[in-house]
């Protein structure tokens, strides 16, 4: 490790991109949070991610289902990107 680091050009903020996401404050029942945190412990996925997925499912905003054709398309795109 260096003895000293230069942070003069550093930027504050999240390291990960939040493109397509908005930070909000929301009040949910304690029981709802407890259930999602328990599910998070069982699945190893973040409870906020699980809440987001549940809301998307309720609204009918689903991602493209993972079919054989979708997997084939993804593999072709990845192989083409490596060339």
Protein backbone atom coordinates (compact mmCIF):
# COMPACT_ATOMS: atom_id res chain seq x y z
CA UNK A 1 0.00 0.00 0.00
CA UNK A 2 1.08 3.54 -0.64
CA UNK A 3 1.73 5.81 2.29
CA UNK A 4 -0.41 8.48 0.66
CA UNK A 5 -3.10 8.49 -2.01
CA UNK A 6 -4.19 11.37 -4.25
CA UNK A 7 -7.95 11.85 -4.05
CA UNK A 8 -7.95 15.27 -5.73
CA UNK A 9 -9.77 13.89 -8.81
CA UNK A 10 -12.02 11.51 -6.91
CA UNK A 11 -15.78 11.69 -7.24
CA UNK A 12 -18.35 10.98 -4.58
CA UNK A 13 -21.20 8.64 -5.25
CA UNK A 14 -22.09 5.07 -5.95
CA UNK A 15 -19.47 2.85 -7.51
CA UNK A 16 -22.08 0.88 -9.43
CA UNK A 17 -24.20 2.45 -12.12
CA UNK A 18 -27.83 2.98 -11.16
CA UNK A 19 -28.98 3.55 -14.72
CA UNK A 20 -32.68 2.77 -14.96
CA UNK A 21 -33.16 2.92 -11.20
CA UNK A 22 -34.34 5.68 -8.89
CA UNK A 23 -33.62 5.97 -5.19
CA UNK A 24 -36.79 6.57 -3.18
CA UNK A 25 -37.92 6.44 0.42
CA UNK A 26 -40.83 4.10 1.02
CA UNK A 27 -42.55 2.87 4.15
CA UNK A 28 -43.45 -0.83 4.17
CA UNK A 29 -44.98 -2.93 6.91
CA UNK A 30 -42.48 -4.60 9.23
CA UNK A 31 -43.99 -7.99 8.37
CA UNK A 32 -43.38 -7.42 4.65
CA UNK A 33 -39.75 -6.52 5.23
CA UNK A 34 -39.28 -9.49 7.56
CA UNK A 35 -40.69 -11.90 4.96
CA UNK A 36 -38.47 -10.55 2.19
CA UNK A 37 -35.39 -10.60 4.44
CA UNK A 38 -36.15 -14.23 5.37
CA UNK A 39 -36.51 -15.06 1.68
CA UNK A 40 -33.25 -13.22 1.05
CA UNK A 41 -31.49 -15.37 3.66
CA UNK A 42 -32.81 -18.54 2.01
CA UNK A 43 -32.01 -17.53 -1.57
CA UNK A 44 -28.87 -15.47 -1.07
CA UNK A 45 -30.35 -12.60 -3.09
CA UNK A 46 -30.84 -9.08 -1.77
CA UNK A 47 -34.20 -8.36 -0.18
CA UNK A 48 -34.58 -5.10 -2.14
CA UNK A 49 -33.99 -6.99 -5.37
CA UNK A 50 -36.67 -9.49 -4.34
CA UNK A 51 -39.12 -6.68 -3.56
CA UNK A 52 -38.40 -5.10 -6.95
CA UNK A 53 -38.97 -8.43 -8.72
CA UNK A 54 -42.24 -8.96 -6.83
CA UNK A 55 -43.47 -5.52 -7.85
CA UNK A 56 -42.48 -6.15 -11.47
CA UNK A 57 -44.29 -9.49 -11.44
CA UNK A 58 -47.40 -7.91 -9.94
CA UNK A 59 -47.39 -5.21 -12.62
CA UNK A 60 -46.77 -7.72 -15.38
CA UNK A 61 -43.40 -6.20 -16.21
CA UNK A 62 -41.47 -9.40 -16.75
CA UNK A 63 -38.07 -9.94 -18.26
CA UNK A 64 -37.72 -12.06 -21.35
CA UNK A 65 -38.20 -15.72 -20.33
CA UNK A 66 -35.05 -17.84 -20.53
CA UNK A 67 -35.90 -20.17 -23.39
CA UNK A 68 -33.56 -22.26 -25.52
CA UNK A 69 -33.73 -19.64 -28.27
CA UNK A 70 -32.79 -16.87 -25.85
CA UNK A 71 -29.83 -18.86 -24.52
CA UNK A 72 -28.67 -19.59 -28.07
CA UNK A 73 -28.91 -15.90 -28.99
CA UNK A 74 -26.93 -14.87 -25.90
CA UNK A 75 -24.23 -17.47 -26.59
CA UNK A 76 -23.96 -16.33 -30.23
CA UNK A 77 -23.64 -12.69 -29.15
CA UNK A 78 -20.96 -13.54 -26.59
CA UNK A 79 -18.99 -15.66 -29.05
CA UNK A 80 -19.19 -12.92 -31.68
CA UNK A 81 -17.94 -10.37 -29.15
CA UNK A 82 -14.84 -12.48 -28.45
CA UNK A 83 -13.73 -12.49 -32.11
